[in-house]
Amino acid sequence: MDADKNFLVGVFEDEDVLINGVTSIRQSGVKIHEVYSPFPVHGLDEVLGYKRSRLPIAAFMFGITGTSLALFTQIWMLGYDWPMIIGGKNFASLPPFVPVTFEFTVLLAALGMVGTFMIASDLKPYKWPRQFDLRSTDDKHIMAIDLALNKGKSKAEIASILKAAGASEVNEKNFE
């Protein structure tokens, strides 16, 4: 990412106006950087053109890894490395392994999903988040448009498109 970024920020009052505004802005050829909302807006990700998340696939892969590791470890330790006959049962009997296997599957899936989400979202402990408008955490919907991605249109043209789409105000934000 570039250190110097210029954005136009559109402030929307209502989620219905925001949904219609995203549709009209995308149809006009303007590329939207991101939309920030104080609460989830149903259908916003479809209108923005986001693809379905692959986080469930990662969760499944981490869960299978947890199941495999738990079963392998228990079977190896109790069946081959240090076999003990307890109550006349087999060395590697599966029913007693179920609780530990389940818990390790859930643990590895949860920790793996958290790590995958943080990597995919570019969340780092040393990275300061960009705050386009403080009202995005209270009651306003914020649409950020990266001017570097929209070279064919001027600032004034994009600002007029935002106003026509229903933005109550348009501001310029610069991150250095």
C-alpha atoms as a PDB file:
ATOM      1  CA  MET A   1       0.000   0.000   0.000  1.00  0.00           C
ATOM      2  CA  ASP A   2       1.116   3.502  -0.695  1.00  0.00           C
ATOM      3  CA  ALA A   3       1.944   5.699   2.261  1.00  0.00           C
ATOM      4  CA  ASP A   4       0.152   8.693   0.715  1.00  0.00           C
ATOM      5  CA  LYS A   5      -3.524   8.043  -0.067  1.00  0.00           C
ATOM      6  CA  ASN A   6      -6.227  10.496  -1.095  1.00  0.00           C
ATOM      7  CA  PHE A   7      -9.871   9.558  -0.638  1.00  0.00           C
ATOM      8  CA  LEU A   8     -13.262  11.108  -1.194  1.00  0.00           C
ATOM      9  CA  VAL A   9     -15.588  10.188   1.639  1.00  0.00           C
ATOM     10  CA  GLY A  10     -19.349  10.172   1.174  1.00  0.00           C
ATOM     11  CA  VAL A  11     -21.553  10.269   4.278  1.00  0.00           C
ATOM     12  CA  PHE A  12     -24.949   8.555   4.001  1.00  0.00           C
ATOM     13  CA  GLU A  13     -27.772   8.907   6.518  1.00  0.00           C
ATOM     14  CA  ASP A  14     -29.857   5.808   5.715  1.00  0.00           C
ATOM     15  CA  GLU A  15     -28.974   2.236   4.742  1.00  0.00           C
ATOM     16  CA  ASP A  16     -31.551   2.121   1.930  1.00  0.00           C
ATOM     17  CA  VAL A  17     -30.076   5.262   0.398  1.00  0.00           C
ATOM     18  CA  LEU A  18     -26.618   3.672   0.834  1.00  0.00           C
ATOM     19  CA  ILE A  19     -27.621   0.464  -1.006  1.00  0.00           C
ATOM     20  CA  ASN A  20     -29.132   2.444  -3.891  1.00  0.00           C
ATOM     21  CA  GLY A  21     -26.114   4.783  -3.876  1.00  0.00           C
ATOM     22  CA  VAL A  22     -23.637   1.900  -4.120  1.00  0.00           C
ATOM     23  CA  THR A  23     -25.548   0.503  -7.076  1.00  0.00           C
ATOM     24  CA  SER A  24     -25.653   3.820  -8.936  1.00  0.00           C
ATOM     25  CA  ILE A  25     -22.013   4.661  -8.156  1.00  0.00           C
ATOM     26  CA  ARG A  26     -20.791   1.280  -9.389  1.00  0.00           C
ATOM     27  CA  GLN A  27     -22.904   1.647 -12.537  1.00  0.00           C
ATOM     28  CA  SER A  28     -21.289   5.027 -13.218  1.00  0.00           C
ATOM     29  CA  GLY A  29     -17.861   3.343 -13.287  1.00  0.00           C
ATOM     30  CA  VAL A  30     -16.474   4.642  -9.997  1.00  0.00           C
ATOM     31  CA  LYS A  31     -14.498   2.053  -8.007  1.00  0.00           C
ATOM     32  CA  ILE A  32     -15.423   2.002  -4.320  1.00  0.00           C
ATOM     33  CA  HIS A  33     -12.601   1.380  -1.842  1.00  0.00           C
ATOM     34  CA  GLU A  34     -14.815   0.368   1.112  1.00  0.00           C
ATOM     35  CA  VAL A  35     -18.120   1.085   2.861  1.00  0.00           C
ATOM     36  CA  TYR A  36     -18.222   1.441   6.652  1.00  0.00           C
ATOM     37  CA  SER A  37     -21.417   1.067   8.644  1.00  0.00           C
ATOM     38  CA  PRO A  38     -22.232   1.190  12.375  1.00  0.00           C
ATOM     39  CA  PHE A  39     -24.336  -1.966  12.016  1.00  0.00           C
ATOM     40  CA  PRO A  40     -24.664  -4.804   9.491  1.00  0.00           C
ATOM     41  CA  VAL A  41     -26.593  -3.807   6.371  1.00  0.00           C
ATOM     42  CA  HIS A  42     -28.361  -6.721   4.729  1.00  0.00           C
ATOM     43  CA  GLY A  43     -27.410  -7.113   1.083  1.00  0.00           C
ATOM     44  CA  LEU A  44     -24.527  -4.619   1.122  1.00  0.00           C
ATOM     45  CA  ASP A  45     -21.868  -7.228   0.357  1.00  0.00           C
ATOM     46  CA  GLU A  46     -23.808  -8.463  -2.689  1.00  0.00           C
ATOM     47  CA  VAL A  47     -24.269  -4.925  -3.998  1.00  0.00           C
ATOM     48  CA  LEU A  48     -20.559  -4.205  -3.491  1.00  0.00           C
ATOM     49  CA  GLY A  49     -19.727  -7.361  -5.462  1.00  0.00           C
ATOM     50  CA  TYR A  50     -17.905  -9.186  -2.681  1.00  0.00           C
ATOM     51  CA  LYS A  51     -17.359 -12.899  -3.149  1.00  0.00           C
ATOM     52  CA  ARG A  52     -18.413 -15.447  -0.579  1.00  0.00           C
ATOM     53  CA  SER A  53     -15.872 -15.879   2.218  1.00  0.00           C
ATOM     54  CA  ARG A  54     -13.545 -18.868   2.156  1.00  0.00           C
ATOM     55  CA  LEU A  55     -13.226 -18.847   5.947  1.00  0.00           C
ATOM     56  CA  PRO A  56     -15.471 -21.947   6.328  1.00  0.00           C
ATOM     57  CA  ILE A  57     -13.076 -23.903   4.107  1.00  0.00           C
ATOM     58  CA  ALA A  58     -10.179 -22.858   6.323  1.00  0.00           C
ATOM     59  CA  ALA A  59     -12.200 -23.827   9.424  1.00  0.00           C
ATOM     60  CA  PHE A  60     -12.877 -27.267   7.963  1.00  0.00           C
ATOM     61  CA  MET A  61      -9.199 -27.771   7.119  1.00  0.00           C
ATOM     62  CA  PHE A  62      -8.084 -26.718  10.614  1.00  0.00           C
ATOM     63  CA  GLY A  63     -10.761 -28.970  12.154  1.00  0.00           C
ATOM     64  CA  ILE A  64      -9.648 -31.994  10.120  1.00  0.00           C
ATOM     65  CA  THR A  65      -6.056 -31.260  11.138  1.00  0.00           C
ATOM     66  CA  GLY A  66      -7.118 -31.106  14.796  1.00  0.00           C
ATOM     67  CA  THR A  67      -9.029 -34.382  14.534  1.00  0.00           C
ATOM     68  CA  SER A  68      -6.121 -36.116  12.811  1.00  0.00           C
ATOM     69  CA  LEU A  69      -3.533 -34.834  15.284  1.00  0.00           C
ATOM     70  CA  ALA A  70      -5.651 -35.730  18.320  1.00  0.00           C
ATOM     71  CA  LEU A  71      -6.368 -39.257  17.106  1.00  0.00           C
ATOM     72  CA  PHE A  72      -2.786 -39.858  15.960  1.00  0.00           C
ATOM     73  CA  THR A  73      -1.327 -38.612  19.250  1.00  0.00           C
ATOM     74  CA  GLN A  74      -3.659 -40.651  21.437  1.00  0.00           C
ATOM     75  CA  ILE A  75      -3.348 -43.836  19.392  1.00  0.00           C
ATOM     76  CA  TRP A  76       0.441 -43.491  19.260  1.00  0.00           C
ATOM     77  CA  MET A  77       0.884 -42.756  22.984  1.00  0.00           C
ATOM     78  CA  LEU A  78      -1.601 -45.278  24.364  1.00  0.00           C
ATOM     79  CA  GLY A  79      -1.313 -47.930  21.661  1.00  0.00           C
ATOM     80  CA  TYR A  80       2.349 -48.121  20.697  1.00  0.00           C
ATOM     81  CA  ASP A  81       4.643 -45.871  22.715  1.00  0.00           C
ATOM     82  CA  TRP A  82       3.423 -46.759  26.211  1.00  0.00           C
ATOM     83  CA  PRO A  83       0.672 -49.382  25.968  1.00  0.00           C
ATOM     84  CA  MET A  84      -1.258 -50.031  29.156  1.00  0.00           C
ATOM     85  CA  ILE A  85      -4.088 -52.463  29.656  1.00  0.00           C
ATOM     86  CA  ILE A  86      -6.728 -50.627  31.679  1.00  0.00           C
ATOM     87  CA  GLY A  87      -9.795 -52.628  32.660  1.00  0.00           C
ATOM     88  CA  GLY A  88      -9.118 -55.276  30.014  1.00  0.00           C
ATOM     89  CA  LYS A  89      -9.682 -52.858  27.135  1.00  0.00           C
ATOM     90  CA  ASN A  90      -7.722 -52.689  23.918  1.00  0.00           C
ATOM     91  CA  PHE A  91      -4.600 -50.542  23.747  1.00  0.00           C
ATOM     92  CA  ALA A  92      -6.080 -48.100  21.246  1.00  0.00           C
ATOM     93  CA  SER A  93      -9.796 -48.105  21.907  1.00  0.00           C
ATOM     94  CA  LEU A  94     -11.570 -45.242  20.083  1.00  0.00           C
ATOM     95  CA  PRO A  95     -14.526 -44.470  22.418  1.00  0.00           C
ATOM     96  CA  PRO A  96     -12.362 -42.981  25.200  1.00  0.00           C
ATOM     97  CA  PHE A  97     -10.630 -40.781  22.606  1.00  0.00           C
ATOM     98  CA  VAL A  98     -13.819 -39.034  21.498  1.00  0.00           C
ATOM     99  CA  PRO A  99     -13.919 -36.187  24.084  1.00  0.00           C
ATOM    100  CA  VAL A 100     -10.268 -35.215  23.631  1.00  0.00           C
ATOM    101  CA  THR A 101     -10.571 -35.474  19.845  1.00  0.00           C
ATOM    102  CA  PHE A 102     -13.679 -33.290  19.805  1.00  0.00           C
ATOM    103  CA  GLU A 103     -12.125 -30.636  22.053  1.00  0.00           C
ATOM    104  CA  PHE A 104      -8.888 -30.510  20.069  1.00  0.00           C
ATOM    105  CA  THR A 105     -10.836 -30.265  16.804  1.00  0.00           C
ATOM    106  CA  VAL A 106     -12.804 -27.289  18.107  1.00  0.00           C
ATOM    107  CA  LEU A 107      -9.687 -25.660  19.568  1.00  0.00           C
ATOM    108  CA  LEU A 108      -7.630 -25.928  16.402  1.00  0.00           C
ATOM    109  CA  ALA A 109     -10.544 -24.827  14.183  1.00  0.00           C
ATOM    110  CA  ALA A 110     -11.218 -21.764  16.348  1.00  0.00           C
ATOM    111  CA  LEU A 111      -7.584 -20.690  16.656  1.00  0.00           C
ATOM    112  CA  GLY A 112      -6.992 -21.325  12.964  1.00  0.00           C
ATOM    113  CA  MET A 113     -10.028 -19.248  11.970  1.00  0.00           C
ATOM    114  CA  VAL A 114      -8.901 -16.347  14.164  1.00  0.00           C
ATOM    115  CA  GLY A 115      -5.423 -16.447  12.638  1.00  0.00           C
ATOM    116  CA  THR A 116      -6.763 -16.795   9.101  1.00  0.00           C
ATOM    117  CA  PHE A 117      -9.195 -13.917   9.620  1.00  0.00           C
ATOM    118  CA  MET A 118      -6.453 -11.663  10.972  1.00  0.00           C
ATOM    119  CA  ILE A 119      -4.162 -12.462   8.043  1.00  0.00           C
ATOM    120  CA  ALA A 120      -6.931 -12.071   5.448  1.00  0.00           C
ATOM    121  CA  SER A 121      -8.102  -8.779   6.984  1.00  0.00           C
ATOM    122  CA  ASP A 122      -4.553  -7.419   7.244  1.00  0.00           C
ATOM    123  CA  LEU A 123      -4.938  -6.893  10.997  1.00  0.00           C
ATOM    124  CA  LYS A 124      -1.558  -6.429  12.588  1.00  0.00           C
ATOM    125  CA  PRO A 125      -0.766  -5.338  16.132  1.00  0.00           C
ATOM    126  CA  TYR A 126       1.553  -2.618  14.870  1.00  0.00           C
ATOM    127  CA  LYS A 127      -0.753  -1.238  12.166  1.00  0.00           C
ATOM    128  CA  TRP A 128      -2.886   1.813  12.935  1.00  0.00           C
ATOM    129  CA  PRO A 129      -6.382   1.582  11.385  1.00  0.00           C
ATOM    130  CA  ARG A 130      -7.629   4.210   8.949  1.00  0.00           C
ATOM    131  CA  GLN A 131     -10.543   6.146  10.371  1.00  0.00           C
ATOM    132  CA  PHE A 132     -12.375   7.870   7.530  1.00  0.00           C
ATOM    133  CA  ASP A 133     -15.049   9.449   9.719  1.00  0.00           C
ATOM    134  CA  LEU A 134     -15.673   9.009  13.444  1.00  0.00           C
ATOM    135  CA  ARG A 135     -19.430   9.012  12.879  1.00  0.00           C
ATOM    136  CA  SER A 136     -19.163   5.598  11.174  1.00  0.00           C
ATOM    137  CA  THR A 137     -19.210   4.017  14.644  1.00  0.00           C
ATOM    138  CA  ASP A 138     -22.286   5.975  15.726  1.00  0.00           C
ATOM    139  CA  ASP A 139     -25.034   6.596  13.180  1.00  0.00           C
ATOM    140  CA  LYS A 140     -23.632   7.345   9.690  1.00  0.00           C
ATOM    141  CA  HIS A 141     -22.692   5.124   6.764  1.00  0.00           C
ATOM    142  CA  ILE A 142     -19.371   6.046   5.181  1.00  0.00           C
ATOM    143  CA  MET A 143     -18.284   5.289   1.613  1.00  0.00           C
ATOM    144  CA  ALA A 144     -14.584   5.723   0.852  1.00  0.00           C
ATOM    145  CA  ILE A 145     -13.481   6.165  -2.760  1.00  0.00           C
ATOM    146  CA  ASP A 146      -9.772   5.892  -3.528  1.00  0.00           C
ATOM    147  CA  LEU A 147      -8.834   8.595  -5.997  1.00  0.00           C
ATOM    148  CA  ALA A 148      -5.825   6.579  -7.220  1.00  0.00           C
ATOM    149  CA  LEU A 149      -8.170   3.816  -8.448  1.00  0.00           C
ATOM    150  CA  ASN A 150     -10.356   6.299 -10.341  1.00  0.00           C
ATOM    151  CA  LYS A 151      -7.840   8.058 -12.585  1.00  0.00           C
ATOM    152  CA  GLY A 152     -10.350   8.692 -15.387  1.00  0.00           C
ATOM    153  CA  LYS A 153     -12.588  10.898 -13.247  1.00  0.00           C
ATOM    154  CA  SER A 154     -11.846  14.167 -11.487  1.00  0.00           C
ATOM    155  CA  LYS A 155     -12.521  14.859  -7.804  1.00  0.00           C
ATOM    156  CA  ALA A 156     -15.383  17.195  -8.654  1.00  0.00           C
ATOM    157  CA  GLU A 157     -16.978  14.615 -10.944  1.00  0.00           C
ATOM    158  CA  ILE A 158     -16.784  11.876  -8.299  1.00  0.00           C
ATOM    159  CA  ALA A 159     -18.124  14.286  -5.655  1.00  0.00           C
ATOM    160  CA  SER A 160     -21.111  15.137  -7.857  1.00  0.00           C
ATOM    161  CA  ILE A 161     -21.747  11.411  -8.459  1.00  0.00           C
ATOM    162  CA  LEU A 162     -21.686  10.847  -4.677  1.00  0.00           C
ATOM    163  CA  LYS A 163     -24.118  13.734  -4.103  1.00  0.00           C
ATOM    164  CA  ALA A 164     -26.425  12.439  -6.833  1.00  0.00           C
ATOM    165  CA  ALA A 165     -26.318   8.974  -5.235  1.00  0.00           C
ATOM    166  CA  GLY A 166     -27.685  10.362  -1.966  1.00  0.00           C
ATOM    167  CA  ALA A 167     -24.633  11.333   0.095  1.00  0.00           C
ATOM    168  CA  SER A 168     -25.523  14.044   2.606  1.00  0.00           C
ATOM    169  CA  GLU A 169     -21.968  15.349   2.533  1.00  0.00           C
ATOM    170  CA  VAL A 170     -18.714  14.662   0.671  1.00  0.00           C
ATOM    171  CA  ASN A 171     -15.333  15.205   2.305  1.00  0.00           C
ATOM    172  CA  GLU A 172     -11.745  14.710   1.224  1.00  0.00           C
ATOM    173  CA  LYS A 173      -9.478  12.605   3.426  1.00  0.00           C
ATOM    174  CA  ASN A 174      -5.717  12.284   3.076  1.00  0.00           C
ATOM    175  CA  PHE A 175      -3.622   9.661   4.881  1.00  0.00           C
ATOM    176  CA  GLU A 176       0.111  10.382   4.949  1.00  0.00           C
END
